[in-house]
Structures are given as C-alpha cells and as structure tokens.
C-alpha cells in the first residue's frame, strides 16, 4: 500500500547508507507482516532479525498479501527457515531459540571432524587434535552462536565427506554390504541437504563425488584381486589333487 515499514536493527545507518541500500532492501517484509522495530528484535543481529521474521511468518501463517514479495531468503533458501522452526516453536522467539540449531550443528560438526581425523590417521590422538583445533577455532565459535544457517551447511558438508571417506577406506565387503551401502546413502543425503540450503555447496560436493569415483575404482580393484586369489587357490588345489 506504499507505506514504509519501520526498520530497527543493530547496524549504523548514519554512515554509508547508500552502500547498504541494496542490503536493507532484502529486509523489507511483505506488507501487513512483521515490523522489525518490535522490541523483541533488539537482541538480534541484522541477519538474525531477517530469519526470525521468516520463521514467525511461517508459524503465524497468512502473513502474505496477494501480489506482495518476501525476499528474506537471499543467501540461503527456505530450508534454512524450516530447520529453525521447531526450536522457535518450542522455546519462543528468543535469541536462544534461533541460535540453538547452530549450536547443535556445531556440536555435530565437531563429532564428524573427530571421527574423520581418526579415519585418516588411525590413531585417537590425531582425532583428538583435529577435534580440538576445530573446537577452538574462532570461526567455529562465531558461526556456532549465530542464528543463521552457516554452521548447518558446514555440518552437512562435513557429514557428507566423513561418510564418503568411510566408504573409500572400507569399501563394501560381502560380510557388511548394508554398512557400506549406508555410507554412500548418508553421504548423498547430507550432500543433498547442503545443496538444498545453498547452491555454492556444489563445489565441495563435487569433491565428494570425486572421492566416490576413487572409492568405486578401489572397490573394483579389490574385487578383481579377490577373484585372482580365488582362481589361484583353485588351481593349486587342482594340481595337488592331480598329483
């Protein structure tokens, strides 16, 4: 209806307003929806205010008007909002509720890093070193407390790499066919989630696909070697029987 929507977030608009004009345009909500000058947003960063508005829009429903636009999902698509909805629905519209998914994703990422280090070097001390360095990294702490999907994407990508490397290193044996297949399944599932959240995930996912190709080649060579050993053993048994 042409009326401006008040905007109040933790950012300085007195300097460089023109450079932030496009960025502020992403925070414009649909007409008749939420107003960011609400006092409940004062403890959020600018990006968190966008996602909280998106989550509240979904939970409250009927926030859109016909012909209106809603452009909060600019860097990440709506899956990011979906993953934050359960926490906000249970704990309310608080910074804790919005940031809880990132915290859980950071903890899961730490586990994946620890397990991947153990797979790479076959020793617990190296796995602990990997996990420790990841835990004390400033970037991990920053993204792990931010109510935005960055750590969620990181967790999905790490999970995809871990399960694919597990397939590469262990393969699929005749005794554990299901276990080997599940490694491929979970790697693909985590990669799909990462791609669904952010299209830029395609670059690390391509690396996962390359690792999958090497894993298939290694599996094929192992199978061929097993056939050669079986054939050699059969020839030896036949020669002994003939003698």
C-alpha atoms as a PDB file:
ATOM      1  CA  UNK A   1       0.000   0.000   0.000  1.00  0.00           C
ATOM      2  CA  UNK A   2       3.023   2.282  -0.294  1.00  0.00           C
ATOM      3  CA  UNK A   3       3.555   2.885   3.418  1.00  0.00           C
ATOM      4  CA  UNK A   4       7.147   2.404   4.663  1.00  0.00           C
ATOM      5  CA  UNK A   5       7.850  -0.415   7.122  1.00  0.00           C
ATOM      6  CA  UNK A   6       9.911   0.745  10.154  1.00  0.00           C
ATOM      7  CA  UNK A   7      13.279  -0.956  10.463  1.00  0.00           C
ATOM      8  CA  UNK A   8      15.394  -1.084  13.617  1.00  0.00           C
ATOM      9  CA  UNK A   9      18.320  -3.494  13.820  1.00  0.00           C
ATOM     10  CA  UNK A  10      21.840  -3.424  15.250  1.00  0.00           C
ATOM     11  CA  UNK A  11      23.511  -1.501  12.467  1.00  0.00           C
ATOM     12  CA  UNK A  12      24.727   2.053  11.962  1.00  0.00           C
ATOM     13  CA  UNK A  13      22.725   3.718   9.206  1.00  0.00           C
ATOM     14  CA  UNK A  14      24.297   7.140   9.633  1.00  0.00           C
ATOM     15  CA  UNK A  15      27.359   6.190   7.587  1.00  0.00           C
ATOM     16  CA  UNK A  16      27.427   4.606   4.184  1.00  0.00           C
ATOM     17  CA  UNK A  17      23.666   4.467   3.817  1.00  0.00           C
ATOM     18  CA  UNK A  18      23.797   4.286   0.029  1.00  0.00           C
ATOM     19  CA  UNK A  19      26.124   1.258   0.142  1.00  0.00           C
ATOM     20  CA  UNK A  20      23.654  -0.573   2.394  1.00  0.00           C
ATOM     21  CA  UNK A  21      20.574   0.321   0.381  1.00  0.00           C
ATOM     22  CA  UNK A  22      20.523  -2.990  -1.500  1.00  0.00           C
ATOM     23  CA  UNK A  23      21.203  -4.937   1.669  1.00  0.00           C
ATOM     24  CA  UNK A  24      18.385  -3.198   3.511  1.00  0.00           C
ATOM     25  CA  UNK A  25      16.102  -3.961   0.602  1.00  0.00           C
ATOM     26  CA  UNK A  26      16.365  -7.657   1.472  1.00  0.00           C
ATOM     27  CA  UNK A  27      14.998  -6.931   4.945  1.00  0.00           C
ATOM     28  CA  UNK A  28      11.782  -5.432   3.604  1.00  0.00           C
ATOM     29  CA  UNK A  29       8.971  -7.681   4.711  1.00  0.00           C
ATOM     30  CA  UNK A  30       5.686  -8.291   2.937  1.00  0.00           C
ATOM     31  CA  UNK A  31       3.081  -5.593   3.552  1.00  0.00           C
ATOM     32  CA  UNK A  32       0.961  -6.423   6.563  1.00  0.00           C
ATOM     33  CA  UNK A  33       3.566  -8.761   8.041  1.00  0.00           C
ATOM     34  CA  UNK A  34       6.093  -8.167  10.811  1.00  0.00           C
ATOM     35  CA  UNK A  35       7.783  -4.878  11.740  1.00  0.00           C
ATOM     36  CA  UNK A  36      11.448  -5.116  12.710  1.00  0.00           C
ATOM     37  CA  UNK A  37      11.168  -2.184  15.108  1.00  0.00           C
ATOM     38  CA  UNK A  38       9.443  -4.562  17.526  1.00  0.00           C
ATOM     39  CA  UNK A  39      11.323  -4.596  20.857  1.00  0.00           C
ATOM     40  CA  UNK A  40      11.618  -8.399  20.635  1.00  0.00           C
ATOM     41  CA  UNK A  41      14.233  -7.924  17.884  1.00  0.00           C
ATOM     42  CA  UNK A  42      16.602  -5.702  19.839  1.00  0.00           C
ATOM     43  CA  UNK A  43      18.876  -8.581  20.908  1.00  0.00           C
ATOM     44  CA  UNK A  44      19.248  -9.941  17.384  1.00  0.00           C
ATOM     45  CA  UNK A  45      21.843  -9.127  14.779  1.00  0.00           C
ATOM     46  CA  UNK A  46      20.565  -7.798  11.469  1.00  0.00           C
ATOM     47  CA  UNK A  47      20.753 -11.178   9.761  1.00  0.00           C
ATOM     48  CA  UNK A  48      19.103 -12.919  12.723  1.00  0.00           C
ATOM     49  CA  UNK A  49      16.239 -10.425  12.557  1.00  0.00           C
ATOM     50  CA  UNK A  50      15.634 -11.475   8.963  1.00  0.00           C
ATOM     51  CA  UNK A  51      15.467 -15.151   9.834  1.00  0.00           C
ATOM     52  CA  UNK A  52      13.319 -14.615  12.916  1.00  0.00           C
ATOM     53  CA  UNK A  53      10.852 -12.680  10.767  1.00  0.00           C
ATOM     54  CA  UNK A  54      10.856 -15.519   8.248  1.00  0.00           C
ATOM     55  CA  UNK A  55      10.276 -18.136  10.963  1.00  0.00           C
ATOM     56  CA  UNK A  56       7.470 -16.115  12.558  1.00  0.00           C
ATOM     57  CA  UNK A  57       5.865 -15.619   9.172  1.00  0.00           C
ATOM     58  CA  UNK A  58       5.683 -19.381   8.665  1.00  0.00           C
ATOM     59  CA  UNK A  59       4.488 -20.116  12.204  1.00  0.00           C
ATOM     60  CA  UNK A  60       1.811 -17.434  12.258  1.00  0.00           C
ATOM     61  CA  UNK A  61       0.641 -18.003   8.703  1.00  0.00           C
ATOM     62  CA  UNK A  62      -1.426 -15.736   6.470  1.00  0.00           C
ATOM     63  CA  UNK A  63       1.375 -13.170   6.523  1.00  0.00           C
ATOM     64  CA  UNK A  64       1.430 -12.642   2.772  1.00  0.00           C
ATOM     65  CA  UNK A  65      -0.846 -10.427   0.790  1.00  0.00           C
ATOM     66  CA  UNK A  66      -1.670 -11.141  -2.805  1.00  0.00           C
ATOM     67  CA  UNK A  67       0.949  -9.640  -5.076  1.00  0.00           C
ATOM     68  CA  UNK A  68       3.448  -8.947  -2.265  1.00  0.00           C
ATOM     69  CA  UNK A  69       7.040 -10.132  -2.243  1.00  0.00           C
ATOM     70  CA  UNK A  70       9.126 -11.656   0.514  1.00  0.00           C
ATOM     71  CA  UNK A  71      12.858 -11.796  -0.082  1.00  0.00           C
ATOM     72  CA  UNK A  72      14.401 -12.779   3.244  1.00  0.00           C
ATOM     73  CA  UNK A  73      15.917 -15.967   1.765  1.00  0.00           C
ATOM     74  CA  UNK A  74      18.639 -14.355  -0.312  1.00  0.00           C
ATOM     75  CA  UNK A  75      21.793 -16.301   0.595  1.00  0.00           C
ATOM     76  CA  UNK A  76      20.012 -19.463   1.743  1.00  0.00           C
ATOM     77  CA  UNK A  77      16.720 -20.888   0.601  1.00  0.00           C
ATOM     78  CA  UNK A  78      13.661 -21.696   2.675  1.00  0.00           C
ATOM     79  CA  UNK A  79      15.139 -24.929   4.060  1.00  0.00           C
ATOM     80  CA  UNK A  80      17.134 -22.779   6.490  1.00  0.00           C
ATOM     81  CA  UNK A  81      13.889 -21.366   7.845  1.00  0.00           C
ATOM     82  CA  UNK A  82      12.342 -24.833   8.080  1.00  0.00           C
ATOM     83  CA  UNK A  83      15.230 -26.140  10.199  1.00  0.00           C
ATOM     84  CA  UNK A  84      14.867 -23.228  12.640  1.00  0.00           C
ATOM     85  CA  UNK A  85      11.102 -23.513  13.017  1.00  0.00           C
ATOM     86  CA  UNK A  86      10.996 -26.383  15.605  1.00  0.00           C
ATOM     87  CA  UNK A  87      13.326 -24.589  18.008  1.00  0.00           C
ATOM     88  CA  UNK A  88      11.399 -21.296  17.838  1.00  0.00           C
ATOM     89  CA  UNK A  89       8.089 -23.151  18.109  1.00  0.00           C
ATOM     90  CA  UNK A  90       9.238 -24.847  21.344  1.00  0.00           C
ATOM     91  CA  UNK A  91      11.300 -22.099  23.016  1.00  0.00           C
ATOM     92  CA  UNK A  92       9.634 -18.993  21.611  1.00  0.00           C
ATOM     93  CA  UNK A  93      11.017 -16.050  19.659  1.00  0.00           C
ATOM     94  CA  UNK A  94      14.231 -15.594  21.628  1.00  0.00           C
ATOM     95  CA  UNK A  95      17.902 -15.436  20.628  1.00  0.00           C
ATOM     96  CA  UNK A  96      18.403 -18.800  22.372  1.00  0.00           C
ATOM     97  CA  UNK A  97      15.729 -20.463  20.246  1.00  0.00           C
ATOM     98  CA  UNK A  98      17.061 -19.028  16.988  1.00  0.00           C
ATOM     99  CA  UNK A  99      20.686 -19.887  17.789  1.00  0.00           C
ATOM    100  CA  UNK A 100      20.083 -23.393  19.188  1.00  0.00           C
ATOM    101  CA  UNK A 101      20.143 -25.123  15.738  1.00  0.00           C
ATOM    102  CA  UNK A 102      23.546 -23.574  15.007  1.00  0.00           C
ATOM    103  CA  UNK A 103      24.867 -24.736  18.382  1.00  0.00           C
ATOM    104  CA  UNK A 104      23.676 -28.296  17.776  1.00  0.00           C
ATOM    105  CA  UNK A 105      25.143 -28.207  14.264  1.00  0.00           C
ATOM    106  CA  UNK A 106      28.494 -27.056  15.691  1.00  0.00           C
ATOM    107  CA  UNK A 107      28.494 -29.989  18.149  1.00  0.00           C
ATOM    108  CA  UNK A 108      27.650 -32.446  15.354  1.00  0.00           C
ATOM    109  CA  UNK A 109      30.380 -30.911  13.171  1.00  0.00           C
ATOM    110  CA  UNK A 110      32.896 -31.418  15.987  1.00  0.00           C
ATOM    111  CA  UNK A 111      31.967 -35.116  16.140  1.00  0.00           C
ATOM    112  CA  UNK A 112      32.378 -35.500  12.379  1.00  0.00           C
ATOM    113  CA  UNK A 113      35.795 -33.798  12.484  1.00  0.00           C
ATOM    114  CA  UNK A 114      36.914 -36.080  15.326  1.00  0.00           C
ATOM    115  CA  UNK A 115      35.758 -39.232  13.533  1.00  0.00           C
ATOM    116  CA  UNK A 116      37.265 -38.116  10.231  1.00  0.00           C
ATOM    117  CA  UNK A 117      40.624 -37.485  11.911  1.00  0.00           C
ATOM    118  CA  UNK A 118      40.515 -40.976  13.377  1.00  0.00           C
ATOM    119  CA  UNK A 119      39.784 -42.477   9.946  1.00  0.00           C
ATOM    120  CA  UNK A 120      42.574 -40.549   8.284  1.00  0.00           C
ATOM    121  CA  UNK A 121      45.371 -41.338  10.758  1.00  0.00           C
ATOM    122  CA  UNK A 122      44.076 -44.457  12.570  1.00  0.00           C
ATOM    123  CA  UNK A 123      45.006 -43.037  15.981  1.00  0.00           C
ATOM    124  CA  UNK A 124      42.892 -41.393  18.671  1.00  0.00           C
ATOM    125  CA  UNK A 125      45.477 -38.715  19.444  1.00  0.00           C
ATOM    126  CA  UNK A 126      45.220 -37.311  15.934  1.00  0.00           C
ATOM    127  CA  UNK A 127      41.444 -37.458  16.062  1.00  0.00           C
ATOM    128  CA  UNK A 128      41.548 -35.500  19.322  1.00  0.00           C
ATOM    129  CA  UNK A 129      43.938 -32.956  17.788  1.00  0.00           C
ATOM    130  CA  UNK A 130      41.605 -32.433  14.833  1.00  0.00           C
ATOM    131  CA  UNK A 131      38.607 -32.035  17.114  1.00  0.00           C
ATOM    132  CA  UNK A 132      40.451 -29.677  19.468  1.00  0.00           C
ATOM    133  CA  UNK A 133      41.644 -27.385  16.681  1.00  0.00           C
ATOM    134  CA  UNK A 134      38.144 -27.273  15.225  1.00  0.00           C
ATOM    135  CA  UNK A 135      36.588 -26.519  18.632  1.00  0.00           C
ATOM    136  CA  UNK A 136      38.921 -23.613  19.482  1.00  0.00           C
ATOM    137  CA  UNK A 137      38.748 -22.107  16.000  1.00  0.00           C
ATOM    138  CA  UNK A 138      37.294 -18.620  16.215  1.00  0.00           C
ATOM    139  CA  UNK A 139      35.191 -19.165  13.117  1.00  0.00           C
ATOM    140  CA  UNK A 140      33.541 -22.209  14.697  1.00  0.00           C
ATOM    141  CA  UNK A 141      32.666 -20.251  17.827  1.00  0.00           C
ATOM    142  CA  UNK A 142      31.328 -17.312  15.811  1.00  0.00           C
ATOM    143  CA  UNK A 143      29.141 -19.340  13.473  1.00  0.00           C
ATOM    144  CA  UNK A 144      28.069 -21.736  16.228  1.00  0.00           C
ATOM    145  CA  UNK A 145      26.359 -18.944  18.144  1.00  0.00           C
ATOM    146  CA  UNK A 146      24.842 -17.115  15.177  1.00  0.00           C
ATOM    147  CA  UNK A 147      21.173 -17.557  14.370  1.00  0.00           C
ATOM    148  CA  UNK A 148      21.908 -18.119  10.690  1.00  0.00           C
ATOM    149  CA  UNK A 149      22.403 -21.318   8.643  1.00  0.00           C
ATOM    150  CA  UNK A 150      26.183 -21.186   8.090  1.00  0.00           C
ATOM    151  CA  UNK A 151      27.035 -23.881  10.640  1.00  0.00           C
ATOM    152  CA  UNK A 152      24.171 -26.045   9.420  1.00  0.00           C
ATOM    153  CA  UNK A 153      25.657 -26.115   5.922  1.00  0.00           C
ATOM    154  CA  UNK A 154      29.107 -26.832   7.408  1.00  0.00           C
ATOM    155  CA  UNK A 155      27.691 -29.765   9.363  1.00  0.00           C
ATOM    156  CA  UNK A 156      26.009 -31.266   6.299  1.00  0.00           C
ATOM    157  CA  UNK A 157      29.169 -30.967   4.210  1.00  0.00           C
ATOM    158  CA  UNK A 158      31.368 -32.497   6.921  1.00  0.00           C
ATOM    159  CA  UNK A 159      28.909 -35.352   7.315  1.00  0.00           C
ATOM    160  CA  UNK A 160      28.966 -35.994   3.583  1.00  0.00           C
ATOM    161  CA  UNK A 161      32.775 -36.028   3.494  1.00  0.00           C
ATOM    162  CA  UNK A 162      33.009 -38.322   6.536  1.00  0.00           C
ATOM    163  CA  UNK A 163      30.652 -40.997   5.231  1.00  0.00           C
ATOM    164  CA  UNK A 164      32.132 -40.903   1.723  1.00  0.00           C
ATOM    165  CA  UNK A 165      35.683 -41.251   3.047  1.00  0.00           C
ATOM    166  CA  UNK A 166      34.437 -44.121   5.189  1.00  0.00           C
ATOM    167  CA  UNK A 167      33.202 -45.804   2.023  1.00  0.00           C
ATOM    168  CA  UNK A 168      36.503 -45.023   0.273  1.00  0.00           C
ATOM    169  CA  UNK A 169      38.627 -46.513   3.085  1.00  0.00           C
ATOM    170  CA  UNK A 170      36.477 -49.521   3.999  1.00  0.00           C
ATOM    171  CA  UNK A 171      34.624 -50.268   0.771  1.00  0.00           C
ATOM    172  CA  UNK A 172      31.711 -52.700   0.666  1.00  0.00           C
ATOM    173  CA  UNK A 173      32.564 -56.201   1.823  1.00  0.00           C
ATOM    174  CA  UNK A 174      30.408 -59.267   1.295  1.00  0.00           C
ATOM    175  CA  UNK A 175      30.010 -59.563   5.078  1.00  0.00           C
ATOM    176  CA  UNK A 176      28.902 -55.929   5.553  1.00  0.00           C
ATOM    177  CA  UNK A 177      27.059 -54.977   2.386  1.00  0.00           C
ATOM    178  CA  UNK A 178      24.451 -52.925   4.234  1.00  0.00           C
ATOM    179  CA  UNK A 179      27.055 -50.942   6.171  1.00  0.00           C
ATOM    180  CA  UNK A 180      28.925 -49.993   3.024  1.00  0.00           C
ATOM    181  CA  UNK A 181      25.726 -49.030   1.258  1.00  0.00           C
ATOM    182  CA  UNK A 182      24.610 -46.861   4.170  1.00  0.00           C
ATOM    183  CA  UNK A 183      27.875 -44.911   3.976  1.00  0.00           C
ATOM    184  CA  UNK A 184      27.039 -43.937   0.393  1.00  0.00           C
ATOM    185  CA  UNK A 185      23.409 -43.229   1.282  1.00  0.00           C
ATOM    186  CA  UNK A 186      24.177 -40.906   4.206  1.00  0.00           C
ATOM    187  CA  UNK A 187      26.913 -39.124   2.277  1.00  0.00           C
ATOM    188  CA  UNK A 188      24.485 -38.417  -0.543  1.00  0.00           C
ATOM    189  CA  UNK A 189      21.754 -37.372   1.886  1.00  0.00           C
ATOM    190  CA  UNK A 190      23.968 -34.845   3.674  1.00  0.00           C
ATOM    191  CA  UNK A 191      25.240 -33.524   0.343  1.00  0.00           C
ATOM    192  CA  UNK A 192      21.651 -33.084  -0.842  1.00  0.00           C
ATOM    193  CA  UNK A 193      20.766 -31.094   2.292  1.00  0.00           C
ATOM    194  CA  UNK A 194      23.805 -28.842   1.801  1.00  0.00           C
ATOM    195  CA  UNK A 195      22.912 -28.231  -1.842  1.00  0.00           C
ATOM    196  CA  UNK A 196      19.280 -27.576  -0.925  1.00  0.00           C
ATOM    197  CA  UNK A 197      20.369 -24.874   1.537  1.00  0.00           C
ATOM    198  CA  UNK A 198      22.997 -23.141  -0.580  1.00  0.00           C
ATOM    199  CA  UNK A 199      23.856 -23.678  -4.233  1.00  0.00           C
ATOM    200  CA  UNK A 200      27.522 -22.781  -3.582  1.00  0.00           C
ATOM    201  CA  UNK A 201      27.822 -26.135  -1.805  1.00  0.00           C
ATOM    202  CA  UNK A 202      28.151 -27.647  -5.262  1.00  0.00           C
ATOM    203  CA  UNK A 203      31.930 -27.078  -5.181  1.00  0.00           C
ATOM    204  CA  UNK A 204      32.722 -29.213  -2.075  1.00  0.00           C
ATOM    205  CA  UNK A 205      30.069 -31.710  -3.196  1.00  0.00           C
ATOM    206  CA  UNK A 206      31.989 -32.140  -6.459  1.00  0.00           C
ATOM    207  CA  UNK A 207      34.978 -33.141  -4.326  1.00  0.00           C
ATOM    208  CA  UNK A 208      32.801 -35.727  -2.578  1.00  0.00           C
ATOM    209  CA  UNK A 209      31.776 -37.125  -5.976  1.00  0.00           C
ATOM    210  CA  UNK A 210      35.429 -37.407  -6.988  1.00  0.00           C
ATOM    211  CA  UNK A 211      36.123 -39.331  -3.783  1.00  0.00           C
ATOM    212  CA  UNK A 212      33.167 -41.577  -4.628  1.00  0.00           C
ATOM    213  CA  UNK A 213      34.718 -42.309  -8.026  1.00  0.00           C
ATOM    214  CA  UNK A 214      38.033 -43.274  -6.434  1.00  0.00           C
ATOM    215  CA  UNK A 215      36.157 -45.440  -3.949  1.00  0.00           C
ATOM    216  CA  UNK A 216      34.413 -47.309  -6.766  1.00  0.00           C
ATOM    217  CA  UNK A 217      37.737 -47.845  -8.530  1.00  0.00           C
ATOM    218  CA  UNK A 218      39.307 -49.140  -5.330  1.00  0.00           C
ATOM    219  CA  UNK A 219      36.334 -51.450  -4.808  1.00  0.00           C
ATOM    220  CA  UNK A 220      36.661 -52.792  -8.344  1.00  0.00           C
ATOM    221  CA  UNK A 221      40.396 -53.460  -7.935  1.00  0.00           C
ATOM    222  CA  UNK A 222      39.823 -55.226  -4.615  1.00  0.00           C
ATOM    223  CA  UNK A 223      37.148 -57.415  -6.206  1.00  0.00           C
ATOM    224  CA  UNK A 224      39.427 -58.297  -9.114  1.00  0.00           C
ATOM    225  CA  UNK A 225      42.290 -59.176  -6.778  1.00  0.00           C
ATOM    226  CA  UNK A 226      39.973 -61.393  -4.785  1.00  0.00           C
ATOM    227  CA  UNK A 227      38.928 -63.217  -7.939  1.00  0.00           C
ATOM    228  CA  UNK A 228      42.586 -63.739  -8.900  1.00  0.00           C
ATOM    229  CA  UNK A 229      43.367 -65.132  -5.446  1.00  0.00           C
ATOM    230  CA  UNK A 230      40.387 -67.465  -5.629  1.00  0.00           C
ATOM    231  CA  UNK A 231      41.410 -68.654  -9.076  1.00  0.00           C
ATOM    232  CA  UNK A 232      44.989 -69.210  -7.916  1.00  0.00           C
ATOM    233  CA  UNK A 233      43.826 -71.168  -4.889  1.00  0.00           C
ATOM    234  CA  UNK A 234      41.580 -73.290  -7.088  1.00  0.00           C
ATOM    235  CA  UNK A 235      44.463 -74.042  -9.490  1.00  0.00           C
ATOM    236  CA  UNK A 236      46.706 -75.055  -6.580  1.00  0.00           C
ATOM    237  CA  UNK A 237      44.066 -77.375  -5.170  1.00  0.00           C
ATOM    238  CA  UNK A 238      43.503 -78.916  -8.595  1.00  0.00           C
ATOM    239  CA  UNK A 239      47.223 -79.534  -9.128  1.00  0.00           C
ATOM    240  CA  UNK A 240      47.546 -81.206  -5.706  1.00  0.00           C
ATOM    241  CA  UNK A 241      44.554 -83.409  -6.484  1.00  0.00           C
ATOM    242  CA  UNK A 242      46.076 -84.395  -9.824  1.00  0.00           C
ATOM    243  CA  UNK A 243      49.377 -85.368  -8.202  1.00  0.00           C
END
